Amino acid sequence: MSTLDTIKEQIESNTVLLYMKGSPNQPQCGFSQRTSQAVMACGKRFAYVDILSNPDIRSELPAYANWPTFPQLWVKGELVGGCDIVCEMHEAGELQTLLDEAEPAES
């Protein structure tokens, strides 16, 4: 499987996916830390990919996404954005709404 196929499969098979440096519990940069904290604060499950341990994804994802930096938050196959956008959405309550719609509460 090519790296591009791997990226597509990750995005398609995870409703909420965060490409970041490190992990949500051990972020390796401040931007990844702020973004993962905003997503975690919404209380929804999400997947993540550590781009530091996946250099092929780190090199190819920016071209695929047409977004040059990390972290990158993807919801339902669509790129939401990076740290500034995600944090602004969280502060405005928009991130919670987006994630609630993407991952409805289990009954």
N, C-alpha and C. Protein backbone atom coordinates (compact mmCIF):
# COMPACT_ATOMS: atom_id res chain seq x y z
N MET A 1 0.85 -1.18 0.00
CA MET A 1 0.00 0.00 0.00
C MET A 1 0.90 1.25 0.00
N SER A 2 0.59 2.18 -0.88
CA SER A 2 1.38 3.41 -0.94
C SER A 2 1.06 4.30 0.26
N THR A 3 1.92 5.26 0.52
CA THR A 3 1.68 6.20 1.62
C THR A 3 0.39 6.97 1.38
N LEU A 4 0.15 7.36 0.15
CA LEU A 4 -1.08 8.09 -0.18
C LEU A 4 -2.32 7.23 0.09
N ASP A 5 -2.24 5.95 -0.25
CA ASP A 5 -3.36 5.04 0.04
C ASP A 5 -3.56 4.90 1.55
N THR A 6 -2.48 4.85 2.29
CA THR A 6 -2.56 4.76 3.75
C THR A 6 -3.25 5.99 4.32
N ILE A 7 -2.87 7.17 3.85
CA ILE A 7 -3.48 8.42 4.31
C ILE A 7 -4.98 8.41 4.01
N LYS A 8 -5.34 8.07 2.78
CA LYS A 8 -6.75 8.03 2.40
C LYS A 8 -7.53 7.06 3.27
N GLU A 9 -6.96 5.89 3.53
CA GLU A 9 -7.62 4.88 4.35
C GLU A 9 -7.79 5.37 5.78
N GLN A 10 -6.78 6.03 6.33
CA GLN A 10 -6.87 6.56 7.69
C GLN A 10 -7.99 7.60 7.80
N ILE A 11 -8.05 8.50 6.82
CA ILE A 11 -9.05 9.57 6.84
C ILE A 11 -10.46 9.00 6.66
N GLU A 12 -10.59 8.01 5.77
CA GLU A 12 -11.91 7.42 5.51
C GLU A 12 -12.40 6.55 6.66
N SER A 13 -11.51 5.89 7.37
CA SER A 13 -11.94 4.93 8.39
C SER A 13 -12.03 5.52 9.80
N ASN A 14 -11.69 6.79 9.97
CA ASN A 14 -11.77 7.44 11.28
C ASN A 14 -12.62 8.71 11.16
N THR A 15 -13.72 8.73 11.89
CA THR A 15 -14.62 9.88 11.81
C THR A 15 -13.90 11.16 12.25
N VAL A 16 -13.13 11.07 13.33
CA VAL A 16 -12.35 12.21 13.82
C VAL A 16 -10.90 11.75 13.92
N LEU A 17 -10.03 12.43 13.19
CA LEU A 17 -8.63 12.02 13.09
C LEU A 17 -7.73 13.24 13.23
N LEU A 18 -6.75 13.13 14.10
CA LEU A 18 -5.80 14.21 14.33
C LEU A 18 -4.40 13.74 13.94
N TYR A 19 -3.82 14.39 12.95
CA TYR A 19 -2.41 14.17 12.62
C TYR A 19 -1.63 15.17 13.46
N MET A 20 -0.71 14.66 14.27
CA MET A 20 -0.02 15.53 15.22
C MET A 20 1.40 15.04 15.48
N LYS A 21 2.15 15.86 16.16
CA LYS A 21 3.50 15.48 16.60
C LYS A 21 3.39 14.92 18.00
N GLY A 22 3.65 13.61 18.12
CA GLY A 22 3.52 12.94 19.40
C GLY A 22 2.14 12.32 19.54
N SER A 23 1.68 12.21 20.79
CA SER A 23 0.37 11.63 21.08
C SER A 23 -0.41 12.62 21.94
N PRO A 24 -1.73 12.45 22.05
CA PRO A 24 -2.49 13.38 22.89
C PRO A 24 -1.98 13.44 24.33
N ASN A 25 -1.49 12.31 24.84
CA ASN A 25 -0.98 12.30 26.22
C ASN A 25 0.47 12.76 26.32
N GLN A 26 1.20 12.71 25.21
CA GLN A 26 2.59 13.18 25.18
C GLN A 26 2.87 13.92 23.88
N PRO A 27 2.26 15.09 23.72
CA PRO A 27 2.50 15.87 22.50
C PRO A 27 3.95 16.33 22.43
N GLN A 28 4.46 16.41 21.22
CA GLN A 28 5.86 16.78 21.02
C GLN A 28 6.04 18.21 20.51
N CYS A 29 4.96 18.98 20.46
CA CYS A 29 5.09 20.41 20.17
C CYS A 29 3.89 21.13 20.77
N GLY A 30 4.03 22.41 20.99
CA GLY A 30 2.97 23.20 21.61
C GLY A 30 1.70 23.26 20.79
N PHE A 31 1.84 23.33 19.46
CA PHE A 31 0.66 23.39 18.60
C PHE A 31 -0.14 22.09 18.68
N SER A 32 0.56 20.97 18.67
CA SER A 32 -0.11 19.67 18.80
C SER A 32 -0.76 19.55 20.18
N GLN A 33 -0.09 20.06 21.21
CA GLN A 33 -0.65 20.02 22.55
C GLN A 33 -1.94 20.81 22.63
N ARG A 34 -1.93 22.02 22.14
CA ARG A 34 -3.13 22.87 22.20
C ARG A 34 -4.28 22.27 21.41
N THR A 35 -3.97 21.73 20.24
CA THR A 35 -5.02 21.16 19.39
C THR A 35 -5.61 19.91 20.02
N SER A 36 -4.76 19.02 20.49
CA SER A 36 -5.28 17.78 21.09
C SER A 36 -6.07 18.08 22.36
N GLN A 37 -5.67 19.08 23.13
CA GLN A 37 -6.42 19.45 24.33
C GLN A 37 -7.80 19.98 23.97
N ALA A 38 -7.88 20.77 22.90
CA ALA A 38 -9.18 21.30 22.45
C ALA A 38 -10.10 20.16 22.03
N VAL A 39 -9.56 19.19 21.30
CA VAL A 39 -10.37 18.06 20.85
C VAL A 39 -10.78 17.20 22.05
N MET A 40 -9.84 16.91 22.94
CA MET A 40 -10.15 16.09 24.12
C MET A 40 -11.20 16.76 25.01
N ALA A 41 -11.18 18.08 25.09
CA ALA A 41 -12.14 18.81 25.92
C ALA A 41 -13.57 18.62 25.44
N CYS A 42 -13.74 18.21 24.19
CA CYS A 42 -15.08 17.99 23.65
C CYS A 42 -15.65 16.64 24.07
N GLY A 43 -14.81 15.78 24.64
CA GLY A 43 -15.29 14.53 25.20
C GLY A 43 -15.66 13.46 24.20
N LYS A 44 -15.17 13.57 22.98
CA LYS A 44 -15.47 12.58 21.95
C LYS A 44 -14.23 11.76 21.64
N ARG A 45 -14.47 10.51 21.25
CA ARG A 45 -13.36 9.66 20.86
C ARG A 45 -12.79 10.17 19.54
N PHE A 46 -11.47 10.06 19.42
CA PHE A 46 -10.83 10.42 18.17
C PHE A 46 -9.57 9.59 18.00
N ALA A 47 -9.19 9.41 16.75
CA ALA A 47 -7.95 8.71 16.43
C ALA A 47 -6.86 9.75 16.19
N TYR A 48 -5.62 9.31 16.31
CA TYR A 48 -4.52 10.21 16.00
C TYR A 48 -3.41 9.42 15.31
N VAL A 49 -2.60 10.16 14.56
CA VAL A 49 -1.41 9.59 13.93
C VAL A 49 -0.24 10.48 14.32
N ASP A 50 0.79 9.87 14.90
CA ASP A 50 2.02 10.59 15.25
C ASP A 50 2.87 10.69 14.00
N ILE A 51 2.96 11.90 13.45
CA ILE A 51 3.72 12.06 12.20
C ILE A 51 5.22 11.97 12.42
N LEU A 52 5.68 12.12 13.66
CA LEU A 52 7.11 11.98 13.92
C LEU A 52 7.57 10.54 13.76
N SER A 53 6.68 9.59 14.07
CA SER A 53 7.05 8.18 13.89
C SER A 53 6.57 7.63 12.55
N ASN A 54 5.99 8.50 11.73
CA ASN A 54 5.53 8.14 10.38
C ASN A 54 6.05 9.18 9.38
N PRO A 55 7.35 9.17 9.09
CA PRO A 55 7.93 10.22 8.25
C PRO A 55 7.36 10.27 6.83
N ASP A 56 6.91 9.13 6.29
CA ASP A 56 6.32 9.15 4.95
C ASP A 56 5.01 9.94 4.95
N ILE A 57 4.20 9.72 5.99
CA ILE A 57 2.95 10.48 6.10
C ILE A 57 3.26 11.95 6.33
N ARG A 58 4.24 12.22 7.16
CA ARG A 58 4.64 13.61 7.43
C ARG A 58 5.03 14.34 6.15
N SER A 59 5.70 13.63 5.24
CA SER A 59 6.15 14.28 4.01
C SER A 59 5.06 14.38 2.95
N GLU A 60 4.12 13.43 2.91
CA GLU A 60 3.12 13.42 1.84
C GLU A 60 1.78 14.06 2.19
N LEU A 61 1.41 14.08 3.46
CA LEU A 61 0.11 14.61 3.83
C LEU A 61 -0.07 16.09 3.48
N PRO A 62 0.93 16.96 3.67
CA PRO A 62 0.70 18.37 3.32
C PRO A 62 0.26 18.58 1.87
N ALA A 63 0.83 17.84 0.95
CA ALA A 63 0.43 17.98 -0.46
C ALA A 63 -0.98 17.44 -0.68
N TYR A 64 -1.28 16.30 -0.06
CA TYR A 64 -2.61 15.71 -0.20
C TYR A 64 -3.68 16.65 0.37
N ALA A 65 -3.40 17.21 1.53
CA ALA A 65 -4.37 18.07 2.23
C ALA A 65 -4.38 19.50 1.71
N ASN A 66 -3.35 19.87 0.96
CA ASN A 66 -3.15 21.26 0.55
C ASN A 66 -3.10 22.15 1.80
N TRP A 67 -2.43 21.62 2.82
CA TRP A 67 -2.27 22.32 4.12
C TRP A 67 -0.84 22.03 4.58
N PRO A 68 0.01 23.04 4.70
CA PRO A 68 1.44 22.79 4.86
C PRO A 68 1.92 22.39 6.26
N THR A 69 1.09 22.60 7.27
CA THR A 69 1.60 22.44 8.64
C THR A 69 0.85 21.37 9.42
N PHE A 70 1.40 21.05 10.58
CA PHE A 70 0.79 20.12 11.52
C PHE A 70 0.60 20.86 12.83
N PRO A 71 -0.40 20.49 13.60
CA PRO A 71 -1.33 19.38 13.43
C PRO A 71 -2.39 19.66 12.38
N GLN A 72 -3.10 18.59 11.99
CA GLN A 72 -4.24 18.69 11.08
C GLN A 72 -5.38 17.87 11.67
N LEU A 73 -6.53 18.50 11.82
CA LEU A 73 -7.72 17.80 12.30
C LEU A 73 -8.65 17.53 11.12
N TRP A 74 -9.03 16.26 11.00
CA TRP A 74 -9.94 15.81 9.95
C TRP A 74 -11.21 15.29 10.62
N VAL A 75 -12.36 15.70 10.10
CA VAL A 75 -13.64 15.23 10.62
C VAL A 75 -14.51 14.80 9.43
N LYS A 76 -14.92 13.55 9.47
CA LYS A 76 -15.75 12.96 8.41
C LYS A 76 -15.14 13.18 7.03
N GLY A 77 -13.84 12.95 6.94
CA GLY A 77 -13.15 13.03 5.65
C GLY A 77 -12.80 14.41 5.17
N GLU A 78 -13.10 15.43 5.96
CA GLU A 78 -12.83 16.82 5.57
C GLU A 78 -11.79 17.43 6.52
N LEU A 79 -10.85 18.16 5.94
CA LEU A 79 -9.87 18.87 6.75
C LEU A 79 -10.53 20.06 7.43
N VAL A 80 -10.46 20.08 8.75
CA VAL A 80 -11.00 21.21 9.52
C VAL A 80 -9.96 22.32 9.56
N GLY A 81 -8.72 21.96 9.87
CA GLY A 81 -7.65 22.94 9.91
C GLY A 81 -6.59 22.57 10.94
N GLY A 82 -5.78 23.55 11.26
CA GLY A 82 -4.68 23.36 12.19
C GLY A 82 -4.98 23.96 13.54
N CYS A 83 -3.93 24.22 14.28
CA CYS A 83 -4.04 24.64 15.67
C CYS A 83 -4.90 25.89 15.85
N ASP A 84 -4.61 26.96 15.13
CA ASP A 84 -5.34 28.21 15.33
C ASP A 84 -6.83 28.05 15.05
N ILE A 85 -7.15 27.39 13.94
CA ILE A 85 -8.56 27.20 13.57
C ILE A 85 -9.27 26.35 14.60
N VAL A 86 -8.66 25.22 14.97
CA VAL A 86 -9.29 24.31 15.93
C VAL A 86 -9.48 25.00 17.28
N CYS A 87 -8.48 25.73 17.75
CA CYS A 87 -8.60 26.41 19.04
C CYS A 87 -9.65 27.52 19.00
N GLU A 88 -9.72 28.26 17.90
CA GLU A 88 -10.75 29.30 17.76
C GLU A 88 -12.14 28.67 17.74
N MET A 89 -12.27 27.55 17.02
CA MET A 89 -13.56 26.86 16.98
C MET A 89 -13.95 26.35 18.37
N HIS A 90 -12.96 25.85 19.11
CA HIS A 90 -13.24 25.36 20.46
C HIS A 90 -13.72 26.50 21.36
N GLU A 91 -13.04 27.62 21.31
CA GLU A 91 -13.40 28.76 22.15
C GLU A 91 -14.79 29.28 21.82
N ALA A 92 -15.20 29.19 20.54
CA ALA A 92 -16.51 29.68 20.11
C ALA A 92 -17.61 28.63 20.29
N GLY A 93 -17.24 27.41 20.71
CA GLY A 93 -18.22 26.36 20.87
C GLY A 93 -18.52 25.59 19.57
N GLU A 94 -17.89 26.00 18.49
CA GLU A 94 -18.15 25.38 17.18
C GLU A 94 -17.54 23.99 17.07
N LEU A 95 -16.41 23.76 17.72
CA LEU A 95 -15.76 22.46 17.65
C LEU A 95 -16.64 21.41 18.33
N GLN A 96 -17.21 21.75 19.48
CA GLN A 96 -18.10 20.82 20.18
C GLN A 96 -19.27 20.45 19.29
N THR A 97 -19.88 21.43 18.64
CA THR A 97 -21.01 21.18 17.75
C THR A 97 -20.60 20.28 16.59
N LEU A 98 -19.46 20.57 15.99
CA LEU A 98 -18.97 19.77 14.87
C LEU A 98 -18.75 18.32 15.28
N LEU A 99 -18.09 18.12 16.41
CA LEU A 99 -17.80 16.76 16.86
C LEU A 99 -19.06 16.04 17.35
N ASP A 100 -20.00 16.77 17.95
CA ASP A 100 -21.26 16.17 18.37
C ASP A 100 -22.02 15.65 17.15
N GLU A 101 -22.02 16.42 16.07
CA GLU A 101 -22.70 16.00 14.85
C GLU A 101 -21.99 14.84 14.18
N ALA A 102 -20.66 14.82 14.26
CA ALA A 102 -19.89 13.76 13.63
C ALA A 102 -19.98 12.45 14.41
N GLU A 103 -19.98 12.55 15.73
CA GLU A 103 -20.01 11.38 16.62
C GLU A 103 -21.18 11.51 17.59
N PRO A 104 -22.40 11.17 17.14
CA PRO A 104 -23.55 11.30 18.04
C PRO A 104 -23.36 10.46 19.30
N ALA A 105 -23.98 10.90 20.37
CA ALA A 105 -23.90 10.16 21.63
C ALA A 105 -24.51 8.79 21.46
N GLU A 106 -23.86 7.81 22.09
CA GLU A 106 -24.37 6.44 22.02
C GLU A 106 -25.56 6.30 22.97
N SER A 107 -26.61 5.66 22.48
CA SER A 107 -27.80 5.52 23.33
C SER A 107 -27.85 4.16 23.99
